C-alpha atoms as a PDB file:
ATOM      1  CA  GLU A   1      44.167-184.358 118.435  1.00  0.00           C
ATOM      2  CA  GLN A   2      47.823-184.626 119.378  1.00  0.00           C
ATOM      3  CA  ASN A   3      49.951-181.508 119.090  1.00  0.00           C
ATOM      4  CA  ASP A   4      52.973-180.031 120.839  1.00  0.00           C
ATOM      5  CA  GLN A   5      50.856-178.513 123.631  1.00  0.00           C
ATOM      6  CA  THR A   6      48.982-181.723 124.465  1.00  0.00           C
ATOM      7  CA  GLU A   7      52.266-183.658 124.350  1.00  0.00           C
ATOM      8  CA  ALA A   8      53.900-181.160 126.747  1.00  0.00           C
ATOM      9  CA  ARG A   9      50.913-181.445 129.102  1.00  0.00           C
ATOM     10  CA  ARG A  10      51.111-185.241 129.008  1.00  0.00           C
ATOM     11  CA  ASN A  11      54.844-185.073 129.838  1.00  0.00           C
ATOM     12  CA  ASN A  12      54.123-182.661 132.707  1.00  0.00           C
ATOM     13  CA  LEU A  13      51.438-185.030 133.987  1.00  0.00           C
ATOM     14  CA  ASP A  14      53.882-187.962 133.971  1.00  0.00           C
ATOM     15  CA  LYS A  15      56.483-185.897 135.863  1.00  0.00           C
ATOM     16  CA  MET A  16      53.824-184.698 138.326  1.00  0.00           C
ATOM     17  CA  ARG A  17      52.775-188.315 138.929  1.00  0.00           C
ATOM     18  CA  GLU A  18      56.356-189.064 140.012  1.00  0.00           C
ATOM     19  CA  LEU A  19      56.201-186.189 142.522  1.00  0.00           C
ATOM     20  CA  VAL A  20      52.702-186.518 144.009  1.00  0.00           C
ATOM     21  CA  GLY A  21      51.575-190.065 143.246  1.00  0.00           C
ATOM     22  CA  ASN A  22      47.847-189.923 142.521  1.00  0.00           C
ATOM     23  CA  VAL A  23      47.337-187.052 140.064  1.00  0.00           C
ATOM     24  CA  TYR A  24      43.534-187.118 140.442  1.00  0.00           C
ATOM     25  CA  PRO A  25      42.843-187.182 144.209  1.00  0.00           C
ATOM     26  CA  ASN A  26      39.305-187.790 145.450  1.00  0.00           C
ATOM     27  CA  LYS A  27      39.047-184.983 147.955  1.00  0.00           C
ATOM     28  CA  PHE A  28      40.276-181.525 148.909  1.00  0.00           C
ATOM     29  CA  ALA A  29      38.993-180.011 152.160  1.00  0.00           C
ATOM     30  CA  ARG A  30      38.627-176.230 152.286  1.00  0.00           C
ATOM     31  CA  THR A  31      38.654-174.174 155.466  1.00  0.00           C
ATOM     32  CA  SER A  32      35.574-172.278 156.683  1.00  0.00           C
ATOM     33  CA  ILE A  33      36.943-168.968 157.922  1.00  0.00           C
ATOM     34  CA  THR A  34      34.178-167.165 156.035  1.00  0.00           C
ATOM     35  CA  SER A  35      31.558-169.300 157.893  1.00  0.00           C
ATOM     36  CA  VAL A  36      30.949-171.266 154.686  1.00  0.00           C
ATOM     37  CA  GLU A  37      33.376-173.371 152.701  1.00  0.00           C
ATOM     38  CA  ASP A  38      36.181-170.997 151.641  1.00  0.00           C
ATOM     39  CA  SER A  39      35.739-170.686 147.894  1.00  0.00           C
ATOM     40  CA  ILE A  40      37.384-167.860 146.014  1.00  0.00           C
ATOM     41  CA  SER A  41      34.040-166.043 145.849  1.00  0.00           C
ATOM     42  CA  SER A  42      33.355-166.391 149.585  1.00  0.00           C
ATOM     43  CA  ILE A  43      36.857-165.110 150.421  1.00  0.00           C
ATOM     44  CA  LYS A  44      36.533-162.099 148.123  1.00  0.00           C
ATOM     45  CA  SER A  45      33.084-161.208 149.499  1.00  0.00           C
ATOM     46  CA  PHE A  46      33.905-161.831 153.189  1.00  0.00           C
ATOM     47  CA  GLU A  47      32.925-158.691 155.117  1.00  0.00           C
ATOM     48  CA  PRO A  48      35.916-158.598 157.520  1.00  0.00           C
ATOM     49  CA  ILE A  49      38.256-158.610 154.525  1.00  0.00           C
ATOM     50  CA  HIS A  50      36.387-155.676 152.953  1.00  0.00           C
ATOM     51  CA  ARG A  51      36.623-153.838 156.268  1.00  0.00           C
ATOM     52  CA  ILE A  52      40.398-154.397 156.386  1.00  0.00           C
ATOM     53  CA  LEU A  53      41.240-153.613 152.756  1.00  0.00           C
ATOM     54  CA  PRO A  54      41.653-150.009 151.683  1.00  0.00           C
ATOM     55  CA  VAL A  55      39.820-148.553 148.731  1.00  0.00           C
ATOM     56  CA  LEU A  56      42.518-147.631 146.232  1.00  0.00           C
ATOM     57  CA  ALA A  57      42.090-145.613 143.067  1.00  0.00           C
ATOM     58  CA  GLU A  58      43.199-147.158 139.763  1.00  0.00           C
ATOM     59  CA  GLY A  59      46.985-147.463 139.741  1.00  0.00           C
ATOM     60  CA  GLU A  60      47.295-146.271 143.348  1.00  0.00           C
ATOM     61  CA  ARG A  61      49.547-148.265 145.670  1.00  0.00           C
ATOM     62  CA  PRO A  62      49.139-148.559 149.434  1.00  0.00           C
ATOM     63  CA  ALA A  63      51.706-146.785 151.573  1.00  0.00           C
ATOM     64  CA  PRO A  64      54.266-149.258 153.029  1.00  0.00           C
ATOM     65  CA  GLU A  65      53.311-148.591 156.662  1.00  0.00           C
ATOM     66  CA  VAL A  66      49.588-148.918 155.876  1.00  0.00           C
ATOM     67  CA  LYS A  67      50.202-152.117 153.896  1.00  0.00           C
ATOM     68  CA  ALA A  68      52.207-153.633 156.771  1.00  0.00           C
ATOM     69  CA  ALA A  69      49.395-152.948 159.247  1.00  0.00           C
ATOM     70  CA  LEU A  70      46.767-154.338 156.865  1.00  0.00           C
ATOM     71  CA  ASN A  71      48.847-157.466 156.271  1.00  0.00           C
ATOM     72  CA  GLU A  72      49.046-158.092 160.030  1.00  0.00           C
ATOM     73  CA  GLU A  73      45.251-157.898 160.241  1.00  0.00           C
ATOM     74  CA  LEU A  74      44.810-160.183 157.219  1.00  0.00           C
ATOM     75  CA  LYS A  75      47.275-162.716 158.615  1.00  0.00           C
ATOM     76  CA  GLY A  76      45.332-162.604 161.883  1.00  0.00           C
ATOM     77  CA  LEU A  77      42.299-164.058 160.107  1.00  0.00           C
ATOM     78  CA  GLY A  78      44.149-167.380 160.055  1.00  0.00           C
ATOM     79  CA  THR A  79      45.082-169.984 157.492  1.00  0.00           C
ATOM     80  CA  ILE A  80      42.979-170.144 154.341  1.00  0.00           C
ATOM     81  CA  ARG A  81      42.626-173.362 152.355  1.00  0.00           C
ATOM     82  CA  THR A  82      40.929-173.068 148.963  1.00  0.00           C
ATOM     83  CA  SER A  83      41.147-174.414 145.433  1.00  0.00           C
ATOM     84  CA  GLY A  84      40.695-173.276 141.870  1.00  0.00           C
ATOM     85  CA  ARG A  85      41.809-173.406 138.274  1.00  0.00           C
ATOM     86  CA  LEU A  86      44.928-171.596 137.065  1.00  0.00           C
ATOM     87  CA  THR A  87      43.917-168.727 134.801  1.00  0.00           C
ATOM     88  CA  THR A  88      47.505-167.861 133.990  1.00  0.00           C
ATOM     89  CA  PRO A  89      50.455-170.161 133.396  1.00  0.00           C
ATOM     90  CA  PRO A  90      53.094-169.983 136.143  1.00  0.00           C
ATOM     91  CA  ARG A  91      55.836-167.721 134.791  1.00  0.00           C
ATOM     92  CA  GLY A  92      56.930-166.158 138.064  1.00  0.00           C
ATOM     93  CA  ASN A  93      55.843-166.275 141.670  1.00  0.00           C
ATOM     94  CA  PHE A  94      52.311-164.934 141.137  1.00  0.00           C
ATOM     95  CA  VAL A  95      49.438-166.720 139.386  1.00  0.00           C
ATOM     96  CA  HIS A  96      45.666-166.356 139.483  1.00  0.00           C
ATOM     97  CA  LEU A  97      43.123-168.980 140.480  1.00  0.00           C
ATOM     98  CA  THR A  98      39.474-168.889 139.478  1.00  0.00           C
ATOM     99  CA  ASN A  99      36.358-170.709 140.559  1.00  0.00           C
ATOM    100  CA  GLY A 100      34.575-169.749 137.341  1.00  0.00           C
ATOM    101  CA  LYS A 101      33.171-166.575 138.842  1.00  0.00           C
ATOM    102  CA  ASP A 102      35.942-164.752 140.716  1.00  0.00           C
ATOM    103  CA  LYS A 103      39.743-164.657 140.557  1.00  0.00           C
ATOM    104  CA  LEU A 104      42.244-164.579 143.403  1.00  0.00           C
ATOM    105  CA  GLN A 105      45.989-164.187 143.120  1.00  0.00           C
ATOM    106  CA  ILE A 106      48.335-166.643 144.827  1.00  0.00           C
ATOM    107  CA  TYR A 107      52.022-166.178 145.619  1.00  0.00           C
ATOM    108  CA  CYS A 108      54.447-169.120 145.629  1.00  0.00           C
ATOM    109  CA  LYS A 109      58.041-168.385 146.575  1.00  0.00           C
ATOM    110  CA  LYS A 110      60.771-170.960 146.115  1.00  0.00           C
ATOM    111  CA  ALA A 111      61.761-172.750 149.344  1.00  0.00           C
ATOM    112  CA  THR A 112      58.848-171.270 151.339  1.00  0.00           C
ATOM    113  CA  PHE A 113      56.068-173.762 150.565  1.00  0.00           C
ATOM    114  CA  ALA A 114      55.568-177.517 150.567  1.00  0.00           C
ATOM    115  CA  LEU A 115      53.955-179.868 148.077  1.00  0.00           C
ATOM    116  CA  ILE A 116      51.200-182.047 149.489  1.00  0.00           C
ATOM    117  CA  LYS A 117      51.620-185.561 148.135  1.00  0.00           C
ATOM    118  CA  ASN A 118      48.397-187.325 147.207  1.00  0.00           C
ATOM    119  CA  ASP A 119      49.173-190.420 149.235  1.00  0.00           C
ATOM    120  CA  ALA A 120      47.197-191.881 152.124  1.00  0.00           C
ATOM    121  CA  GLU A 121      48.923-189.580 154.648  1.00  0.00           C
ATOM    122  CA  ASN A 122      48.938-186.387 152.514  1.00  0.00           C
ATOM    123  CA  SER A 123      52.635-186.159 153.372  1.00  0.00           C
ATOM    124  CA  LEU A 124      54.582-182.969 152.679  1.00  0.00           C
ATOM    125  CA  ASP A 125      57.464-182.628 150.243  1.00  0.00           C
ATOM    126  CA  GLU A 126      59.344-179.334 150.625  1.00  0.00           C
ATOM    127  CA  GLU A 127      62.204-180.377 148.371  1.00  0.00           C
ATOM    128  CA  ASN A 128      60.131-180.823 145.183  1.00  0.00           C
ATOM    129  CA  ALA A 129      57.493-178.110 145.690  1.00  0.00           C
ATOM    130  CA  TRP A 130      59.091-175.601 143.315  1.00  0.00           C
ATOM    131  CA  ALA A 131      59.628-178.299 140.657  1.00  0.00           C
ATOM    132  CA  ALA A 132      55.935-179.239 140.884  1.00  0.00           C
ATOM    133  CA  PHE A 133      54.944-175.569 140.598  1.00  0.00           C
ATOM    134  CA  GLY A 134      56.950-175.390 137.375  1.00  0.00           C
ATOM    135  CA  LEU A 135      55.011-178.365 135.952  1.00  0.00           C
ATOM    136  CA  LEU A 136      51.653-176.616 136.290  1.00  0.00           C
ATOM    137  CA  ASP A 137      49.914-175.509 133.118  1.00  0.00           C
ATOM    138  CA  HIS A 138      47.242-172.943 132.345  1.00  0.00           C
ATOM    139  CA  GLY A 139      43.916-174.580 133.260  1.00  0.00           C
ATOM    140  CA  ASP A 140      45.189-177.054 135.882  1.00  0.00           C
ATOM    141  CA  PHE A 141      43.324-177.391 139.177  1.00  0.00           C
ATOM    142  CA  ILE A 142      45.229-176.920 142.429  1.00  0.00           C
ATOM    143  CA  GLY A 143      44.498-176.477 146.099  1.00  0.00           C
ATOM    144  CA  VAL A 144      46.452-174.022 148.222  1.00  0.00           C
ATOM    145  CA  GLU A 145      46.858-173.338 151.917  1.00  0.00           C
ATOM    146  CA  GLY A 146      48.341-170.161 153.318  1.00  0.00           C
ATOM    147  CA  TYR A 147      47.564-166.715 154.667  1.00  0.00           C
ATOM    148  CA  LEU A 148      46.061-163.636 153.053  1.00  0.00           C
ATOM    149  CA  PHE A 149      48.155-160.569 152.337  1.00  0.00           C
ATOM    150  CA  LEU A 150      48.109-157.407 150.284  1.00  0.00           C
ATOM    151  CA  THR A 151      50.711-157.055 147.514  1.00  0.00           C
ATOM    152  CA  ASN A 152      52.646-153.884 146.750  1.00  0.00           C
ATOM    153  CA  THR A 153      50.076-153.118 144.043  1.00  0.00           C
ATOM    154  CA  GLY A 154      47.215-153.493 146.542  1.00  0.00           C
ATOM    155  CA  GLU A 155      45.898-156.849 145.301  1.00  0.00           C
ATOM    156  CA  LEU A 156      44.522-159.381 147.785  1.00  0.00           C
ATOM    157  CA  SER A 157      46.563-162.599 147.531  1.00  0.00           C
ATOM    158  CA  ILE A 158      47.285-165.856 149.314  1.00  0.00           C
ATOM    159  CA  HIS A 159      50.877-166.496 150.391  1.00  0.00           C
ATOM    160  CA  VAL A 160      51.062-170.236 149.713  1.00  0.00           C
ATOM    161  CA  GLU A 161      52.518-172.452 152.440  1.00  0.00           C
ATOM    162  CA  LYS A 162      51.180-175.729 151.009  1.00  0.00           C
ATOM    163  CA  LEU A 163      50.173-176.616 147.445  1.00  0.00           C
ATOM    164  CA  GLN A 164      48.236-179.692 146.342  1.00  0.00           C
ATOM    165  CA  PHE A 165      47.879-180.801 142.736  1.00  0.00           C
ATOM    166  CA  LEU A 166      44.244-181.741 142.003  1.00  0.00           C
ATOM    167  CA  ALA A 167      43.823-182.264 138.243  1.00  0.00           C
ATOM    168  CA  LYS A 168      45.584-181.673 134.919  1.00  0.00           C
ATOM    169  CA  ALA A 169      43.967-179.826 132.013  1.00  0.00           C
ATOM    170  CA  MET A 170      45.032-182.027 129.108  1.00  0.00           C
ATOM    171  CA  LEU A 171      43.804-179.597 126.454  1.00  0.00           C
ATOM    172  CA  PRO A 172      44.958-175.989 126.184  1.00  0.00           C
ATOM    173  CA  MET A 173      42.481-173.347 127.297  1.00  0.00           C
ATOM    174  CA  PRO A 174      40.631-171.603 124.463  1.00  0.00           C
ATOM    175  CA  ASP A 175      42.070-168.341 123.203  1.00  0.00           C
ATOM    176  CA  LYS A 176      40.044-165.448 124.665  1.00  0.00           C
ATOM    177  CA  MET A 177      40.474-163.412 121.481  1.00  0.00           C
ATOM    178  CA  HIS A 178      38.877-165.984 119.202  1.00  0.00           C
END
């Protein structure tokens, strides 16, 4: 059934096609830092990450000097490459990805990440990365590459250095309340 949301998603898909080429690529390779393919669940349950991260009470924030030291350790784990479905529409720099079981926050800052084009060479486009990020909708599938860090609120996140569009959700996600 056509409505304003499906029409907006179709328009976003057409614009994304202009930026990345193939909007339904065949493959996305994840890293294996966790000794298995780095899914959101394997990252969140990875023992070295639990050893690094502090246990914070509800609403408690890590001290700046502690957070800086923890972020150095997390960055030392190396580059993470994983994928998931957007559980929140991009309205700022932070969004959440899910694999159906766990959620992980990602951080995309304008002019600090590149868009991976879905061409034969997987070429990088730094100029249009932020525009592509703005075309993402709630429910779309993306792949990200970057390093882990702890936010000011103490949430484990990926600082995105490369973003790859994987698939468009043509229908809006169901309302959780109904």
